[in-house]
Amino acid sequence: MTVVVVGNPKPMSRTRAAAELIAHELSGRAPTAVIDVVDLGAGLLGWGDPKVAEAKATVLGADSLVVASPTFKATYTGLLKLFLDQFGQGELGGIPTFPVMLGAGLQHALAPELTLRPVLVEIGASCPAPSLYLVDSEYATAPELAIWLESARKFVPAVTP
């Protein structure tokens, strides 16, 4: 089961569309679940919110994760940070996870590797492939995507019918 986590403050964003495309291309199927973190609302600001707990349980049940964010001030969004803070150190238990960030230009191409990947590893994700950065206006046709998919696919658990 592939789960997509999207940390864009705008619902149904381009970031979400890119993450869903990437999940589909990685596994050959649409993601089993998409958590658009913005939909969790104020429950992210504390502990014990039922919607947040449900989203967290979905993530913990995943066979693989695509975690995506727009680039904001050279890093991932605070919204995504609020969700990731709900997980304790090592809690993801080695789930294969693919950090993805979109931005307006290549000047922040290292952002997912330098900012998003470390926090995912801290909470227990296994990030076996390099992080992916795509220019948001051309994410679906970027040559970098095809190259990245070729190397990342080998780390996605086999999909059973």
Protein backbone atom coordinates (compact mmCIF):
# COMPACT_ATOMS: atom_id res chain seq x y z
CA MET A 1 0.00 0.00 0.00
CA THR A 2 1.53 3.28 -1.16
CA VAL A 3 0.52 6.35 0.82
CA VAL A 4 1.08 9.94 -0.28
CA VAL A 5 1.54 12.72 2.28
CA VAL A 6 1.23 16.26 0.93
CA GLY A 7 2.32 19.28 2.94
CA ASN A 8 1.01 22.08 0.76
CA PRO A 9 -1.16 24.72 2.49
CA LYS A 10 -3.32 24.83 -0.65
CA PRO A 11 -5.79 21.92 -0.92
CA MET A 12 -5.70 19.84 -4.13
CA SER A 13 -2.41 21.49 -5.09
CA ARG A 14 0.05 20.90 -7.89
CA THR A 15 2.25 19.31 -5.23
CA ARG A 16 -0.48 16.75 -4.58
CA ALA A 17 -0.90 16.06 -8.29
CA ALA A 18 2.85 15.53 -8.66
CA ALA A 19 3.02 13.25 -5.61
CA GLU A 20 0.12 11.15 -6.85
CA LEU A 21 1.74 10.86 -10.27
CA ILE A 22 5.03 9.83 -8.70
CA ALA A 23 3.34 7.22 -6.48
CA HIS A 24 1.52 5.79 -9.50
CA GLU A 25 4.69 5.70 -11.59
CA LEU A 26 6.64 4.05 -8.76
CA SER A 27 4.17 1.26 -8.03
CA GLY A 28 2.10 0.97 -11.20
CA ARG A 29 -1.05 1.82 -9.23
CA ALA A 30 -2.76 4.85 -7.81
CA PRO A 31 -1.81 5.48 -4.19
CA THR A 32 -3.93 3.63 -1.67
CA ALA A 33 -4.36 6.79 0.38
CA VAL A 34 -3.55 10.48 0.02
CA ILE A 35 -3.18 12.59 3.14
CA ASP A 36 -3.51 16.25 2.20
CA VAL A 37 -2.18 17.59 5.51
CA VAL A 38 -4.04 20.89 5.12
CA ASP A 39 -7.28 18.95 5.63
CA LEU A 40 -6.19 18.05 9.18
CA GLY A 41 -6.52 21.68 10.24
CA ALA A 42 -6.02 22.88 13.81
CA GLY A 43 -5.78 19.30 15.09
CA LEU A 44 -2.11 19.43 14.06
CA LEU A 45 -1.38 22.02 16.74
CA GLY A 46 -1.78 19.60 19.64
CA TRP A 47 -1.86 15.92 20.45
CA GLY A 48 -4.68 13.40 20.33
CA ASP A 49 -6.82 14.78 17.52
CA PRO A 50 -8.82 11.88 16.00
CA LYS A 51 -8.31 12.99 12.37
CA VAL A 52 -4.58 13.35 12.91
CA ALA A 53 -4.45 9.96 14.66
CA GLU A 54 -6.26 8.37 11.71
CA ALA A 55 -3.84 9.96 9.23
CA LYS A 56 -0.90 8.81 11.33
CA ALA A 57 -2.26 5.24 11.44
CA THR A 58 -2.61 5.30 7.64
CA VAL A 59 1.04 6.32 7.31
CA LEU A 60 2.17 3.63 9.75
CA GLY A 61 0.27 1.00 7.73
CA ALA A 62 1.97 1.91 4.46
CA ASP A 63 4.35 -0.32 2.51
CA SER A 64 5.87 2.80 0.95
CA LEU A 65 5.46 6.56 1.28
CA VAL A 66 5.77 9.56 -1.00
CA VAL A 67 6.14 12.67 1.14
CA ALA A 68 5.82 15.87 -0.86
CA SER A 69 6.04 19.58 -0.17
CA PRO A 70 6.39 22.78 -2.11
CA THR A 71 9.65 24.60 -1.47
CA PHE A 72 9.06 27.45 0.94
CA LYS A 73 12.01 29.63 1.99
CA ALA A 74 14.41 26.88 0.80
CA THR A 75 12.79 24.12 2.85
CA TYR A 76 9.56 22.13 3.26
CA THR A 77 6.46 23.77 4.71
CA GLY A 78 5.70 24.31 8.37
CA LEU A 79 2.42 22.51 7.75
CA LEU A 80 4.27 19.33 6.83
CA LYS A 81 6.54 19.81 9.86
CA LEU A 82 3.50 19.92 12.14
CA PHE A 83 2.38 16.54 10.79
CA LEU A 84 5.82 14.95 10.91
CA ASP A 85 6.20 16.13 14.51
CA GLN A 86 3.35 13.76 15.41
CA PHE A 87 5.76 10.82 14.89
CA GLY A 88 8.31 9.79 17.46
CA GLN A 89 11.94 8.98 16.76
CA GLY A 90 12.15 5.79 14.69
CA GLU A 91 8.37 5.32 14.64
CA LEU A 92 8.12 4.75 10.88
CA GLY A 93 10.08 1.53 11.34
CA GLY A 94 11.96 1.57 8.05
CA ILE A 95 9.07 2.22 5.65
CA PRO A 96 10.57 2.97 2.21
CA THR A 97 9.97 6.71 1.82
CA PHE A 98 10.53 9.03 -1.11
CA PRO A 99 10.98 12.74 -0.25
CA VAL A 100 9.75 15.03 -3.05
CA MET A 101 9.76 18.80 -3.30
CA LEU A 102 8.55 21.15 -6.01
CA GLY A 103 9.76 24.67 -6.59
CA ALA A 104 9.78 27.50 -9.08
CA GLY A 105 13.38 27.01 -10.16
CA LEU A 106 16.44 24.86 -9.71
CA GLN A 107 18.10 27.14 -7.15
CA HIS A 108 16.66 24.98 -4.35
CA ALA A 109 17.27 21.58 -5.95
CA LEU A 110 19.12 20.31 -2.87
CA ALA A 111 16.31 21.26 -0.46
CA PRO A 112 14.64 17.84 -0.26
CA GLU A 113 17.96 16.10 0.35
CA LEU A 114 19.19 18.63 2.90
CA THR A 115 15.98 19.48 4.75
CA LEU A 116 13.19 16.91 4.24
CA ARG A 117 15.17 13.68 4.13
CA PRO A 118 16.87 14.20 7.54
CA VAL A 119 13.59 14.65 9.41
CA LEU A 120 12.10 11.61 7.68
CA VAL A 121 15.12 9.51 8.65
CA GLU A 122 14.88 10.80 12.23
CA ILE A 123 11.31 9.47 12.52
CA GLY A 124 12.36 6.10 11.10
CA ALA A 125 11.85 6.31 7.36
CA SER A 126 14.16 4.43 5.06
CA CYS A 127 14.99 6.77 2.17
CA PRO A 128 16.73 4.39 -0.22
CA ALA A 129 16.70 6.60 -3.32
CA PRO A 130 17.95 10.17 -3.65
CA SER A 131 15.37 12.81 -2.80
CA LEU A 132 13.55 14.30 -5.78
CA TYR A 133 13.22 17.98 -6.65
CA LEU A 134 11.13 19.08 -9.63
CA VAL A 135 10.29 22.46 -11.11
CA ASP A 136 6.57 22.76 -10.43
CA SER A 137 5.61 24.07 -13.88
CA GLU A 138 7.02 20.98 -15.61
CA TYR A 139 6.93 18.20 -13.02
CA ALA A 140 5.07 15.73 -15.24
CA THR A 141 7.42 16.05 -18.21
CA ALA A 142 10.73 16.72 -16.50
CA PRO A 143 13.50 14.43 -17.76
CA GLU A 144 14.74 14.23 -14.16
CA LEU A 145 11.55 12.43 -13.19
CA ALA A 146 12.07 9.56 -15.65
CA ILE A 147 15.70 9.17 -14.59
CA TRP A 148 14.77 9.23 -10.90
CA LEU A 149 11.93 6.73 -11.37
CA GLU A 150 14.29 4.28 -13.03
CA SER A 151 16.50 4.19 -9.95
CA ALA A 152 13.75 4.52 -7.31
CA ARG A 153 11.41 1.76 -8.55
CA LYS A 154 13.67 -1.01 -7.33
CA PHE A 155 13.01 0.11 -3.75
CA VAL A 156 9.19 -0.08 -3.91
CA PRO A 157 7.69 -3.28 -2.49
CA ALA A 158 6.10 -5.48 -5.15
CA VAL A 159 2.42 -4.80 -5.69
CA THR A 160 0.20 -7.85 -5.36
CA PRO A 161 -3.11 -8.08 -7.23
